Amino acid sequence: MHILSLQHHPAEHAGEFRRFLKEDGHQLTAVQLDQGEALPSLDDFDALWVLGGPMDVWQEDQFPWLADEKAYIREAVEERGMSYLGLCLGHQLLAEALGGTVGPGTPEIGVLDVHMTDIGASGIFLDGLPETFPALQWHSAEIKMMPAGARCLATTDACPVQAMQWGTRAYAVQFHLEVGHDTFTNWSAIDEYAAALKESLGESGAATFETDCAANLKTFNTMAERVYINWMQTTAKT
Protein backbone atom coordinates (compact mmCIF):
# COMPACT_ATOMS: atom_id res chain seq x y z
CA MET A 1 0.00 0.00 0.00
CA HIS A 2 0.98 3.61 -0.50
CA ILE A 3 -0.25 5.55 2.53
CA LEU A 4 -0.41 9.33 2.83
CA SER A 5 0.25 10.73 6.30
CA LEU A 6 -0.87 14.28 7.14
CA GLN A 7 1.27 15.78 9.93
CA HIS A 8 0.73 18.96 11.94
CA HIS A 9 4.04 19.12 13.82
CA PRO A 10 7.43 17.55 13.02
CA ALA A 11 7.45 15.69 16.35
CA GLU A 12 4.01 14.16 15.76
CA HIS A 13 4.76 11.50 13.19
CA ALA A 14 3.58 7.93 12.75
CA GLY A 15 5.98 6.70 15.42
CA GLU A 16 6.09 2.94 15.84
CA PHE A 17 3.72 2.45 12.93
CA ARG A 18 6.59 3.40 10.62
CA ARG A 19 8.44 0.26 11.68
CA PHE A 20 5.45 -1.99 11.02
CA LEU A 21 4.92 -0.46 7.58
CA LYS A 22 8.59 -0.86 6.63
CA GLU A 23 8.67 -4.47 7.78
CA ASP A 24 5.61 -5.24 5.64
CA GLY A 25 6.89 -3.41 2.57
CA HIS A 26 4.35 -0.58 2.54
CA GLN A 27 5.21 3.00 1.54
CA LEU A 28 4.44 5.99 3.77
CA THR A 29 4.56 9.54 2.41
CA ALA A 30 4.36 12.32 5.01
CA VAL A 31 3.10 15.83 4.24
CA GLN A 32 3.83 18.53 6.85
CA LEU A 33 0.83 20.84 6.64
CA ASP A 34 2.02 23.25 9.35
CA GLN A 35 5.19 23.80 7.31
CA GLY A 36 3.21 24.91 4.26
CA GLU A 37 3.43 21.70 2.25
CA ALA A 38 0.60 21.23 -0.22
CA LEU A 39 -2.03 18.51 -0.14
CA PRO A 40 -1.23 16.05 -2.95
CA SER A 41 -3.68 14.34 -5.26
CA LEU A 42 -5.50 11.50 -3.56
CA ASP A 43 -5.22 9.56 -6.81
CA ASP A 44 -1.67 8.56 -5.86
CA PHE A 45 -2.56 6.90 -2.53
CA ASP A 46 -4.40 3.88 -1.19
CA ALA A 47 -5.11 5.17 2.31
CA LEU A 48 -5.01 8.32 4.43
CA TRP A 49 -3.57 8.68 7.93
CA VAL A 50 -4.09 11.95 9.84
CA LEU A 51 -1.94 12.44 12.93
CA GLY A 52 -1.94 14.65 16.02
CA GLY A 53 -0.93 18.26 16.50
CA PRO A 54 -0.95 21.12 19.01
CA MET A 55 -3.64 23.14 17.23
CA ASP A 56 -7.41 22.75 17.62
CA VAL A 57 -9.78 21.88 14.79
CA TRP A 58 -11.63 25.21 15.10
CA GLN A 59 -8.50 27.41 14.76
CA GLU A 60 -8.98 28.03 11.05
CA ASP A 61 -8.21 31.76 11.39
CA GLN A 62 -4.77 30.94 12.79
CA PHE A 63 -4.24 27.85 10.63
CA PRO A 64 -6.17 28.44 7.37
CA TRP A 65 -5.08 25.10 5.92
CA LEU A 66 -7.34 23.31 8.43
CA ALA A 67 -10.39 24.12 6.30
CA ASP A 68 -8.78 22.58 3.22
CA GLU A 69 -7.67 19.58 5.26
CA LYS A 70 -11.23 18.88 6.45
CA ALA A 71 -12.52 19.05 2.88
CA TYR A 72 -9.69 16.76 1.79
CA ILE A 73 -10.57 14.21 4.50
CA ARG A 74 -14.22 14.35 3.50
CA GLU A 75 -13.33 13.68 -0.13
CA ALA A 76 -11.06 10.79 0.83
CA VAL A 77 -13.44 9.08 3.24
CA GLU A 78 -16.95 10.00 2.17
CA GLU A 79 -16.59 10.43 -1.58
CA ARG A 80 -13.80 7.97 -2.39
CA GLY A 81 -14.24 5.41 0.39
CA MET A 82 -10.53 5.40 1.18
CA SER A 83 -9.19 3.62 4.24
CA TYR A 84 -8.47 6.08 7.05
CA LEU A 85 -6.66 6.09 10.37
CA GLY A 86 -6.82 9.13 12.65
CA LEU A 87 -4.86 9.76 15.83
CA CYS A 88 -5.82 12.48 18.35
CA LEU A 89 -6.26 15.60 16.16
CA GLY A 90 -6.83 13.23 13.24
CA HIS A 91 -9.68 11.66 15.24
CA GLN A 92 -11.31 15.05 15.78
CA LEU A 93 -10.76 16.16 12.19
CA LEU A 94 -12.51 13.05 10.89
CA ALA A 95 -15.56 13.86 13.02
CA GLU A 96 -15.72 17.49 11.84
CA ALA A 97 -15.07 16.60 8.21
CA LEU A 98 -18.07 14.26 8.21
CA GLY A 99 -20.49 16.61 9.98
CA GLY A 100 -19.80 16.00 13.67
CA THR A 101 -18.72 18.63 16.17
CA VAL A 102 -15.60 19.10 18.31
CA GLY A 103 -15.08 21.47 21.22
CA PRO A 104 -13.10 22.05 24.41
CA GLY A 105 -13.31 19.16 26.85
CA THR A 106 -11.95 17.97 30.15
CA PRO A 107 -8.16 17.64 29.68
CA GLU A 108 -6.82 14.10 29.73
CA ILE A 109 -3.04 14.06 30.14
CA GLY A 110 -1.17 11.00 31.31
CA VAL A 111 -1.38 7.24 31.03
CA LEU A 112 -5.10 6.57 31.61
CA ASP A 113 -7.45 3.63 31.25
CA VAL A 114 -9.70 3.39 28.20
CA HIS A 115 -12.75 1.12 28.11
CA MET A 116 -14.13 -0.61 25.05
CA THR A 117 -17.81 -0.28 24.27
CA ASP A 118 -19.81 -3.38 23.36
CA ILE A 119 -19.49 -2.37 19.71
CA GLY A 120 -15.73 -1.99 20.03
CA ALA A 121 -15.35 -5.33 21.80
CA SER A 122 -17.21 -7.14 19.03
CA GLY A 123 -15.50 -5.43 16.09
CA ILE A 124 -12.27 -5.84 14.15
CA PHE A 125 -10.35 -2.65 14.93
CA LEU A 126 -9.70 -3.24 18.66
CA ASP A 127 -9.75 -7.02 18.48
CA GLY A 128 -7.16 -8.60 20.75
CA LEU A 129 -6.94 -5.67 23.16
CA PRO A 130 -8.20 -5.98 26.74
CA GLU A 131 -11.64 -4.52 27.36
CA THR A 132 -9.87 -1.96 29.58
CA PHE A 133 -6.38 -0.91 28.53
CA PRO A 134 -3.87 1.84 29.37
CA ALA A 135 -3.31 4.56 26.79
CA LEU A 136 -1.26 7.72 26.47
CA GLN A 137 -3.57 10.75 26.48
CA TRP A 138 -2.56 14.35 25.76
CA HIS A 139 -5.58 16.40 24.73
CA SER A 140 -8.02 19.05 25.95
CA ALA A 141 -10.56 18.93 23.11
CA GLU A 142 -13.02 16.18 22.30
CA ILE A 143 -15.72 15.04 19.92
CA LYS A 144 -18.97 16.49 21.22
CA MET A 145 -21.18 14.89 18.59
CA MET A 146 -20.21 12.08 16.25
CA PRO A 147 -21.13 12.39 12.58
CA ALA A 148 -24.19 10.54 11.33
CA GLY A 149 -23.47 6.85 10.88
CA ALA A 150 -20.43 6.80 13.20
CA ARG A 151 -20.04 4.23 15.98
CA CYS A 152 -18.19 4.65 19.26
CA LEU A 153 -15.70 1.85 19.93
CA ALA A 154 -14.10 3.01 23.20
CA THR A 155 -14.72 5.55 25.93
CA THR A 156 -13.62 7.18 29.17
CA ASP A 157 -15.70 9.09 31.72
CA ALA A 158 -14.02 12.38 30.78
CA CYS A 159 -14.11 11.85 27.01
CA PRO A 160 -16.95 9.61 25.80
CA VAL A 161 -15.71 9.16 22.21
CA GLN A 162 -12.23 7.63 22.53
CA ALA A 163 -12.40 5.53 19.37
CA MET A 164 -14.71 5.87 16.41
CA GLN A 165 -15.62 3.99 13.27
CA TRP A 166 -17.34 5.48 10.22
CA GLY A 167 -18.34 3.13 7.45
CA THR A 168 -16.21 0.04 7.05
CA ARG A 169 -12.75 1.51 6.48
CA ALA A 170 -12.46 4.74 8.53
CA TYR A 171 -11.18 4.46 12.11
CA ALA A 172 -9.82 6.98 14.58
CA VAL A 173 -8.74 7.18 18.22
CA GLN A 174 -8.42 10.08 20.65
CA PHE A 175 -5.53 8.41 22.49
CA HIS A 176 -2.07 7.67 21.10
CA LEU A 177 -1.02 4.27 19.79
CA GLU A 178 2.17 5.33 18.01
CA VAL A 179 4.23 5.84 21.19
CA GLY A 180 8.01 5.36 20.99
CA HIS A 181 10.79 5.62 23.56
CA ASP A 182 11.27 9.33 22.83
CA THR A 183 7.63 10.39 22.48
CA PHE A 184 7.28 12.00 25.90
CA THR A 185 10.57 13.91 25.57
CA ASN A 186 9.74 15.20 22.09
CA TRP A 187 6.17 16.22 22.88
CA SER A 188 6.97 17.87 26.20
CA ALA A 189 9.22 20.24 24.23
CA ILE A 190 6.18 21.54 22.28
CA ASP A 191 5.06 24.77 23.96
CA GLU A 192 1.33 24.03 23.85
CA TYR A 193 1.80 20.52 25.23
CA ALA A 194 4.22 21.65 27.93
CA ALA A 195 1.73 24.28 29.12
CA ALA A 196 -1.13 21.78 29.20
CA LEU A 197 1.06 19.28 31.03
CA LYS A 198 2.01 21.79 33.71
CA GLU A 199 -1.54 23.07 34.11
CA SER A 200 -3.02 19.59 34.39
CA LEU A 201 -0.39 17.72 36.39
CA GLY A 202 1.78 20.39 38.00
CA GLU A 203 5.57 20.55 38.07
CA SER A 204 6.01 17.10 39.64
CA GLY A 205 3.39 15.48 37.43
CA ALA A 206 5.63 15.51 34.39
CA ALA A 207 8.09 13.12 36.02
CA THR A 208 5.27 10.74 36.94
CA PHE A 209 3.89 10.89 33.40
CA GLU A 210 7.31 10.12 31.93
CA THR A 211 7.78 7.19 34.32
CA ASP A 212 4.34 5.83 33.46
CA CYS A 213 5.10 6.06 29.74
CA ALA A 214 8.34 4.12 30.16
CA ALA A 215 6.66 1.48 32.32
CA ASN A 216 3.90 0.94 29.74
CA LEU A 217 5.97 1.26 26.56
CA LYS A 218 6.04 -2.47 25.82
CA THR A 219 2.27 -2.64 26.28
CA PHE A 220 1.77 0.40 24.05
CA ASN A 221 3.89 -1.15 21.30
CA THR A 222 2.11 -4.50 21.53
CA MET A 223 -1.27 -2.79 21.26
CA ALA A 224 -0.08 -0.63 18.37
CA GLU A 225 1.04 -3.66 16.39
CA ARG A 226 -2.25 -5.45 17.00
CA VAL A 227 -4.34 -2.43 16.00
CA TYR A 228 -2.12 -1.95 12.94
CA ILE A 229 -2.77 -5.56 11.88
CA ASN A 230 -6.48 -5.11 12.55
CA TRP A 231 -6.62 -1.86 10.57
CA MET A 232 -4.88 -3.54 7.65
CA GLN A 233 -7.63 -6.16 7.64
CA THR A 234 -10.25 -3.42 7.31
CA THR A 235 -8.58 -2.05 4.19
CA ALA A 236 -9.54 -5.09 2.11
CA LYS A 237 -11.95 -4.09 -0.64
CA THR A 238 -15.33 -5.78 -0.53
C-alpha atoms as a PDB file:
ATOM      1  CA  MET A   1       0.000   0.000   0.000  1.00  0.00           C
ATOM      2  CA  HIS A   2       0.982   3.612  -0.496  1.00  0.00           C
ATOM      3  CA  ILE A   3      -0.254   5.552   2.533  1.00  0.00           C
ATOM      4  CA  LEU A   4      -0.414   9.329   2.832  1.00  0.00           C
ATOM      5  CA  SER A   5       0.255  10.733   6.298  1.00  0.00           C
ATOM      6  CA  LEU A   6      -0.865  14.282   7.139  1.00  0.00           C
ATOM      7  CA  GLN A   7       1.265  15.776   9.927  1.00  0.00           C
ATOM      8  CA  HIS A   8       0.729  18.958  11.938  1.00  0.00           C
ATOM      9  CA  HIS A   9       4.041  19.122  13.821  1.00  0.00           C
ATOM     10  CA  PRO A  10       7.431  17.546  13.018  1.00  0.00           C
ATOM     11  CA  ALA A  11       7.447  15.693  16.352  1.00  0.00           C
ATOM     12  CA  GLU A  12       4.005  14.164  15.761  1.00  0.00           C
ATOM     13  CA  HIS A  13       4.762  11.503  13.187  1.00  0.00           C
ATOM     14  CA  ALA A  14       3.581   7.929  12.747  1.00  0.00           C
ATOM     15  CA  GLY A  15       5.982   6.701  15.424  1.00  0.00           C
ATOM     16  CA  GLU A  16       6.092   2.935  15.837  1.00  0.00           C
ATOM     17  CA  PHE A  17       3.722   2.447  12.932  1.00  0.00           C
ATOM     18  CA  ARG A  18       6.586   3.398  10.620  1.00  0.00           C
ATOM     19  CA  ARG A  19       8.445   0.258  11.683  1.00  0.00           C
ATOM     20  CA  PHE A  20       5.454  -1.987  11.018  1.00  0.00           C
ATOM     21  CA  LEU A  21       4.923  -0.459   7.576  1.00  0.00           C
ATOM     22  CA  LYS A  22       8.587  -0.856   6.633  1.00  0.00           C
ATOM     23  CA  GLU A  23       8.668  -4.475   7.781  1.00  0.00           C
ATOM     24  CA  ASP A  24       5.608  -5.241   5.637  1.00  0.00           C
ATOM     25  CA  GLY A  25       6.888  -3.414   2.567  1.00  0.00           C
ATOM     26  CA  HIS A  26       4.351  -0.577   2.542  1.00  0.00           C
ATOM     27  CA  GLN A  27       5.206   2.997   1.544  1.00  0.00           C
ATOM     28  CA  LEU A  28       4.435   5.993   3.770  1.00  0.00           C
ATOM     29  CA  THR A  29       4.558   9.545   2.406  1.00  0.00           C
ATOM     30  CA  ALA A  30       4.357  12.321   5.014  1.00  0.00           C
ATOM     31  CA  VAL A  31       3.101  15.827   4.243  1.00  0.00           C
ATOM     32  CA  GLN A  32       3.831  18.528   6.846  1.00  0.00           C
ATOM     33  CA  LEU A  33       0.835  20.844   6.641  1.00  0.00           C
ATOM     34  CA  ASP A  34       2.025  23.248   9.350  1.00  0.00           C
ATOM     35  CA  GLN A  35       5.192  23.801   7.306  1.00  0.00           C
ATOM     36  CA  GLY A  36       3.211  24.909   4.264  1.00  0.00           C
ATOM     37  CA  GLU A  37       3.427  21.699   2.255  1.00  0.00           C
ATOM     38  CA  ALA A  38       0.596  21.228  -0.217  1.00  0.00           C
ATOM     39  CA  LEU A  39      -2.030  18.511  -0.138  1.00  0.00           C
ATOM     40  CA  PRO A  40      -1.230  16.050  -2.946  1.00  0.00           C
ATOM     41  CA  SER A  41      -3.679  14.343  -5.264  1.00  0.00           C
ATOM     42  CA  LEU A  42      -5.501  11.500  -3.564  1.00  0.00           C
ATOM     43  CA  ASP A  43      -5.220   9.558  -6.808  1.00  0.00           C
ATOM     44  CA  ASP A  44      -1.670   8.563  -5.857  1.00  0.00           C
ATOM     45  CA  PHE A  45      -2.564   6.898  -2.535  1.00  0.00           C
ATOM     46  CA  ASP A  46      -4.403   3.881  -1.190  1.00  0.00           C
ATOM     47  CA  ALA A  47      -5.114   5.174   2.311  1.00  0.00           C
ATOM     48  CA  LEU A  48      -5.007   8.319   4.433  1.00  0.00           C
ATOM     49  CA  TRP A  49      -3.569   8.683   7.930  1.00  0.00           C
ATOM     50  CA  VAL A  50      -4.086  11.953   9.839  1.00  0.00           C
ATOM     51  CA  LEU A  51      -1.940  12.445  12.928  1.00  0.00           C
ATOM     52  CA  GLY A  52      -1.941  14.650  16.020  1.00  0.00           C
ATOM     53  CA  GLY A  53      -0.928  18.262  16.503  1.00  0.00           C
ATOM     54  CA  PRO A  54      -0.947  21.123  19.012  1.00  0.00           C
ATOM     55  CA  MET A  55      -3.640  23.145  17.229  1.00  0.00           C
ATOM     56  CA  ASP A  56      -7.412  22.752  17.616  1.00  0.00           C
ATOM     57  CA  VAL A  57      -9.781  21.883  14.788  1.00  0.00           C
ATOM     58  CA  TRP A  58     -11.626  25.214  15.104  1.00  0.00           C
ATOM     59  CA  GLN A  59      -8.499  27.408  14.761  1.00  0.00           C
ATOM     60  CA  GLU A  60      -8.975  28.029  11.054  1.00  0.00           C
ATOM     61  CA  ASP A  61      -8.214  31.761  11.389  1.00  0.00           C
ATOM     62  CA  GLN A  62      -4.775  30.937  12.787  1.00  0.00           C
ATOM     63  CA  PHE A  63      -4.236  27.847  10.630  1.00  0.00           C
ATOM     64  CA  PRO A  64      -6.169  28.441   7.374  1.00  0.00           C
ATOM     65  CA  TRP A  65      -5.079  25.098   5.919  1.00  0.00           C
ATOM     66  CA  LEU A  66      -7.342  23.310   8.432  1.00  0.00           C
ATOM     67  CA  ALA A  67     -10.394  24.117   6.301  1.00  0.00           C
ATOM     68  CA  ASP A  68      -8.777  22.581   3.220  1.00  0.00           C
ATOM     69  CA  GLU A  69      -7.673  19.576   5.262  1.00  0.00           C
ATOM     70  CA  LYS A  70     -11.226  18.884   6.446  1.00  0.00           C
ATOM     71  CA  ALA A  71     -12.524  19.054   2.876  1.00  0.00           C
ATOM     72  CA  TYR A  72      -9.691  16.757   1.789  1.00  0.00           C
ATOM     73  CA  ILE A  73     -10.571  14.206   4.499  1.00  0.00           C
ATOM     74  CA  ARG A  74     -14.224  14.354   3.500  1.00  0.00           C
ATOM     75  CA  GLU A  75     -13.327  13.678  -0.132  1.00  0.00           C
ATOM     76  CA  ALA A  76     -11.065  10.786   0.826  1.00  0.00           C
ATOM     77  CA  VAL A  77     -13.435   9.075   3.242  1.00  0.00           C
ATOM     78  CA  GLU A  78     -16.952   9.999   2.171  1.00  0.00           C
ATOM     79  CA  GLU A  79     -16.587  10.429  -1.576  1.00  0.00           C
ATOM     80  CA  ARG A  80     -13.800   7.971  -2.391  1.00  0.00           C
ATOM     81  CA  GLY A  81     -14.242   5.412   0.393  1.00  0.00           C
ATOM     82  CA  MET A  82     -10.529   5.395   1.180  1.00  0.00           C
ATOM     83  CA  SER A  83      -9.192   3.620   4.239  1.00  0.00           C
ATOM     84  CA  TYR A  84      -8.474   6.075   7.051  1.00  0.00           C
ATOM     85  CA  LEU A  85      -6.661   6.086  10.369  1.00  0.00           C
ATOM     86  CA  GLY A  86      -6.816   9.133  12.653  1.00  0.00           C
ATOM     87  CA  LEU A  87      -4.858   9.758  15.831  1.00  0.00           C
ATOM     88  CA  CYS A  88      -5.820  12.484  18.351  1.00  0.00           C
ATOM     89  CA  LEU A  89      -6.258  15.600  16.163  1.00  0.00           C
ATOM     90  CA  GLY A  90      -6.833  13.233  13.236  1.00  0.00           C
ATOM     91  CA  HIS A  91      -9.678  11.664  15.240  1.00  0.00           C
ATOM     92  CA  GLN A  92     -11.309  15.049  15.782  1.00  0.00           C
ATOM     93  CA  LEU A  93     -10.757  16.164  12.186  1.00  0.00           C
ATOM     94  CA  LEU A  94     -12.514  13.052  10.886  1.00  0.00           C
ATOM     95  CA  ALA A  95     -15.556  13.863  13.015  1.00  0.00           C
ATOM     96  CA  GLU A  96     -15.716  17.491  11.836  1.00  0.00           C
ATOM     97  CA  ALA A  97     -15.073  16.603   8.214  1.00  0.00           C
ATOM     98  CA  LEU A  98     -18.067  14.264   8.207  1.00  0.00           C
ATOM     99  CA  GLY A  99     -20.492  16.615   9.980  1.00  0.00           C
ATOM    100  CA  GLY A 100     -19.797  16.004  13.667  1.00  0.00           C
ATOM    101  CA  THR A 101     -18.721  18.631  16.175  1.00  0.00           C
ATOM    102  CA  VAL A 102     -15.601  19.100  18.308  1.00  0.00           C
ATOM    103  CA  GLY A 103     -15.075  21.472  21.219  1.00  0.00           C
ATOM    104  CA  PRO A 104     -13.102  22.053  24.409  1.00  0.00           C
ATOM    105  CA  GLY A 105     -13.311  19.161  26.850  1.00  0.00           C
ATOM    106  CA  THR A 106     -11.946  17.975  30.154  1.00  0.00           C
ATOM    107  CA  PRO A 107      -8.160  17.644  29.683  1.00  0.00           C
ATOM    108  CA  GLU A 108      -6.819  14.095  29.728  1.00  0.00           C
ATOM    109  CA  ILE A 109      -3.038  14.062  30.136  1.00  0.00           C
ATOM    110  CA  GLY A 110      -1.172  11.000  31.306  1.00  0.00           C
ATOM    111  CA  VAL A 111      -1.384   7.236  31.028  1.00  0.00           C
ATOM    112  CA  LEU A 112      -5.099   6.570  31.607  1.00  0.00           C
ATOM    113  CA  ASP A 113      -7.447   3.625  31.250  1.00  0.00           C
ATOM    114  CA  VAL A 114      -9.700   3.389  28.197  1.00  0.00           C
ATOM    115  CA  HIS A 115     -12.751   1.118  28.114  1.00  0.00           C
ATOM    116  CA  MET A 116     -14.132  -0.613  25.048  1.00  0.00           C
ATOM    117  CA  THR A 117     -17.811  -0.282  24.266  1.00  0.00           C
ATOM    118  CA  ASP A 118     -19.808  -3.377  23.355  1.00  0.00           C
ATOM    119  CA  ILE A 119     -19.491  -2.368  19.713  1.00  0.00           C
ATOM    120  CA  GLY A 120     -15.729  -1.991  20.033  1.00  0.00           C
ATOM    121  CA  ALA A 121     -15.348  -5.332  21.798  1.00  0.00           C
ATOM    122  CA  SER A 122     -17.211  -7.143  19.034  1.00  0.00           C
ATOM    123  CA  GLY A 123     -15.497  -5.425  16.088  1.00  0.00           C
ATOM    124  CA  ILE A 124     -12.269  -5.838  14.151  1.00  0.00           C
ATOM    125  CA  PHE A 125     -10.349  -2.645  14.930  1.00  0.00           C
ATOM    126  CA  LEU A 126      -9.701  -3.235  18.657  1.00  0.00           C
ATOM    127  CA  ASP A 127      -9.754  -7.025  18.475  1.00  0.00           C
ATOM    128  CA  GLY A 128      -7.160  -8.602  20.752  1.00  0.00           C
ATOM    129  CA  LEU A 129      -6.935  -5.671  23.159  1.00  0.00           C
ATOM    130  CA  PRO A 130      -8.198  -5.984  26.741  1.00  0.00           C
ATOM    131  CA  GLU A 131     -11.637  -4.524  27.363  1.00  0.00           C
ATOM    132  CA  THR A 132      -9.867  -1.963  29.577  1.00  0.00           C
ATOM    133  CA  PHE A 133      -6.377  -0.908  28.533  1.00  0.00           C
ATOM    134  CA  PRO A 134      -3.868   1.842  29.373  1.00  0.00           C
ATOM    135  CA  ALA A 135      -3.306   4.560  26.793  1.00  0.00           C
ATOM    136  CA  LEU A 136      -1.261   7.721  26.466  1.00  0.00           C
ATOM    137  CA  GLN A 137      -3.569  10.745  26.482  1.00  0.00           C
ATOM    138  CA  TRP A 138      -2.563  14.351  25.761  1.00  0.00           C
ATOM    139  CA  HIS A 139      -5.582  16.400  24.732  1.00  0.00           C
ATOM    140  CA  SER A 140      -8.018  19.054  25.950  1.00  0.00           C
ATOM    141  CA  ALA A 141     -10.558  18.932  23.110  1.00  0.00           C
ATOM    142  CA  GLU A 142     -13.016  16.183  22.301  1.00  0.00           C
ATOM    143  CA  ILE A 143     -15.719  15.041  19.924  1.00  0.00           C
ATOM    144  CA  LYS A 144     -18.966  16.493  21.219  1.00  0.00           C
ATOM    145  CA  MET A 145     -21.181  14.892  18.590  1.00  0.00           C
ATOM    146  CA  MET A 146     -20.206  12.076  16.253  1.00  0.00           C
ATOM    147  CA  PRO A 147     -21.127  12.388  12.579  1.00  0.00           C
ATOM    148  CA  ALA A 148     -24.191  10.539  11.332  1.00  0.00           C
ATOM    149  CA  GLY A 149     -23.465   6.854  10.882  1.00  0.00           C
ATOM    150  CA  ALA A 150     -20.428   6.804  13.204  1.00  0.00           C
ATOM    151  CA  ARG A 151     -20.043   4.234  15.978  1.00  0.00           C
ATOM    152  CA  CYS A 152     -18.193   4.653  19.264  1.00  0.00           C
ATOM    153  CA  LEU A 153     -15.698   1.851  19.930  1.00  0.00           C
ATOM    154  CA  ALA A 154     -14.097   3.005  23.197  1.00  0.00           C
ATOM    155  CA  THR A 155     -14.718   5.553  25.931  1.00  0.00           C
ATOM    156  CA  THR A 156     -13.617   7.179  29.175  1.00  0.00           C
ATOM    157  CA  ASP A 157     -15.702   9.089  31.716  1.00  0.00           C
ATOM    158  CA  ALA A 158     -14.021  12.377  30.778  1.00  0.00           C
ATOM    159  CA  CYS A 159     -14.105  11.851  27.010  1.00  0.00           C
ATOM    160  CA  PRO A 160     -16.949   9.606  25.801  1.00  0.00           C
ATOM    161  CA  VAL A 161     -15.707   9.157  22.214  1.00  0.00           C
ATOM    162  CA  GLN A 162     -12.228   7.629  22.534  1.00  0.00           C
ATOM    163  CA  ALA A 163     -12.397   5.530  19.374  1.00  0.00           C
ATOM    164  CA  MET A 164     -14.710   5.872  16.407  1.00  0.00           C
ATOM    165  CA  GLN A 165     -15.624   3.987  13.267  1.00  0.00           C
ATOM    166  CA  TRP A 166     -17.337   5.481  10.221  1.00  0.00           C
ATOM    167  CA  GLY A 167     -18.338   3.134   7.451  1.00  0.00           C
ATOM    168  CA  THR A 168     -16.212   0.039   7.050  1.00  0.00           C
ATOM    169  CA  ARG A 169     -12.749   1.511   6.484  1.00  0.00           C
ATOM    170  CA  ALA A 170     -12.457   4.737   8.528  1.00  0.00           C
ATOM    171  CA  TYR A 171     -11.183   4.460  12.110  1.00  0.00           C
ATOM    172  CA  ALA A 172      -9.818   6.983  14.584  1.00  0.00           C
ATOM    173  CA  VAL A 173      -8.740   7.180  18.222  1.00  0.00           C
ATOM    174  CA  GLN A 174      -8.416  10.077  20.655  1.00  0.00           C
ATOM    175  CA  PHE A 175      -5.530   8.408  22.486  1.00  0.00           C
ATOM    176  CA  HIS A 176      -2.071   7.675  21.103  1.00  0.00           C
ATOM    177  CA  LEU A 177      -1.018   4.270  19.793  1.00  0.00           C
ATOM    178  CA  GLU A 178       2.173   5.331  18.015  1.00  0.00           C
ATOM    179  CA  VAL A 179       4.228   5.838  21.187  1.00  0.00           C
ATOM    180  CA  GLY A 180       8.008   5.359  20.995  1.00  0.00           C
ATOM    181  CA  HIS A 181      10.789   5.617  23.561  1.00  0.00           C
ATOM    182  CA  ASP A 182      11.272   9.330  22.830  1.00  0.00           C
ATOM    183  CA  THR A 183       7.626  10.385  22.481  1.00  0.00           C
ATOM    184  CA  PHE A 184       7.282  12.002  25.903  1.00  0.00           C
ATOM    185  CA  THR A 185      10.565  13.908  25.569  1.00  0.00           C
ATOM    186  CA  ASN A 186       9.738  15.196  22.093  1.00  0.00           C
ATOM    187  CA  TRP A 187       6.169  16.216  22.883  1.00  0.00           C
ATOM    188  CA  SER A 188       6.966  17.868  26.196  1.00  0.00           C
ATOM    189  CA  ALA A 189       9.216  20.244  24.229  1.00  0.00           C
ATOM    190  CA  ILE A 190       6.180  21.542  22.280  1.00  0.00           C
ATOM    191  CA  ASP A 191       5.058  24.774  23.958  1.00  0.00           C
ATOM    192  CA  GLU A 192       1.331  24.027  23.853  1.00  0.00           C
ATOM    193  CA  TYR A 193       1.803  20.522  25.233  1.00  0.00           C
ATOM    194  CA  ALA A 194       4.221  21.652  27.933  1.00  0.00           C
ATOM    195  CA  ALA A 195       1.735  24.282  29.121  1.00  0.00           C
ATOM    196  CA  ALA A 196      -1.131  21.784  29.203  1.00  0.00           C
ATOM    197  CA  LEU A 197       1.058  19.276  31.035  1.00  0.00           C
ATOM    198  CA  LYS A 198       2.009  21.789  33.709  1.00  0.00           C
ATOM    199  CA  GLU A 199      -1.542  23.065  34.114  1.00  0.00           C
ATOM    200  CA  SER A 200      -3.020  19.587  34.393  1.00  0.00           C
ATOM    201  CA  LEU A 201      -0.390  17.717  36.390  1.00  0.00           C
ATOM    202  CA  GLY A 202       1.778  20.393  37.995  1.00  0.00           C
ATOM    203  CA  GLU A 203       5.573  20.546  38.069  1.00  0.00           C
ATOM    204  CA  SER A 204       6.011  17.105  39.644  1.00  0.00           C
ATOM    205  CA  GLY A 205       3.386  15.485  37.432  1.00  0.00           C
ATOM    206  CA  ALA A 206       5.633  15.511  34.388  1.00  0.00           C
ATOM    207  CA  ALA A 207       8.092  13.122  36.022  1.00  0.00           C
ATOM    208  CA  THR A 208       5.275  10.744  36.942  1.00  0.00           C
ATOM    209  CA  PHE A 209       3.893  10.892  33.396  1.00  0.00           C
ATOM    210  CA  GLU A 210       7.311  10.122  31.926  1.00  0.00           C
ATOM    211  CA  THR A 211       7.783   7.193  34.319  1.00  0.00           C
ATOM    212  CA  ASP A 212       4.341   5.833  33.463  1.00  0.00           C
ATOM    213  CA  CYS A 213       5.099   6.063  29.740  1.00  0.00           C
ATOM    214  CA  ALA A 214       8.338   4.120  30.160  1.00  0.00           C
ATOM    215  CA  ALA A 215       6.659   1.475  32.320  1.00  0.00           C
ATOM    216  CA  ASN A 216       3.897   0.940  29.737  1.00  0.00           C
ATOM    217  CA  LEU A 217       5.965   1.256  26.557  1.00  0.00           C
ATOM    218  CA  LYS A 218       6.036  -2.474  25.815  1.00  0.00           C
ATOM    219  CA  THR A 219       2.267  -2.641  26.281  1.00  0.00           C
ATOM    220  CA  PHE A 220       1.774   0.402  24.050  1.00  0.00           C
ATOM    221  CA  ASN A 221       3.890  -1.146  21.301  1.00  0.00           C
ATOM    222  CA  THR A 222       2.112  -4.498  21.526  1.00  0.00           C
ATOM    223  CA  MET A 223      -1.270  -2.788  21.257  1.00  0.00           C
ATOM    224  CA  ALA A 224      -0.078  -0.628  18.371  1.00  0.00           C
ATOM    225  CA  GLU A 225       1.039  -3.665  16.394  1.00  0.00           C
ATOM    226  CA  ARG A 226      -2.252  -5.450  16.997  1.00  0.00           C
ATOM    227  CA  VAL A 227      -4.336  -2.430  15.996  1.00  0.00           C
ATOM    228  CA  TYR A 228      -2.115  -1.952  12.941  1.00  0.00           C
ATOM    229  CA  ILE A 229      -2.774  -5.556  11.882  1.00  0.00           C
ATOM    230  CA  ASN A 230      -6.484  -5.113  12.550  1.00  0.00           C
ATOM    231  CA  TRP A 231      -6.624  -1.858  10.574  1.00  0.00           C
ATOM    232  CA  MET A 232      -4.883  -3.537   7.646  1.00  0.00           C
ATOM    233  CA  GLN A 233      -7.629  -6.159   7.642  1.00  0.00           C
ATOM    234  CA  THR A 234     -10.253  -3.417   7.313  1.00  0.00           C
ATOM    235  CA  THR A 235      -8.579  -2.048   4.186  1.00  0.00           C
ATOM    236  CA  ALA A 236      -9.542  -5.087   2.105  1.00  0.00           C
ATOM    237  CA  LYS A 237     -11.951  -4.095  -0.644  1.00  0.00           C
ATOM    238  CA  THR A 238     -15.334  -5.777  -0.529  1.00  0.00           C
END
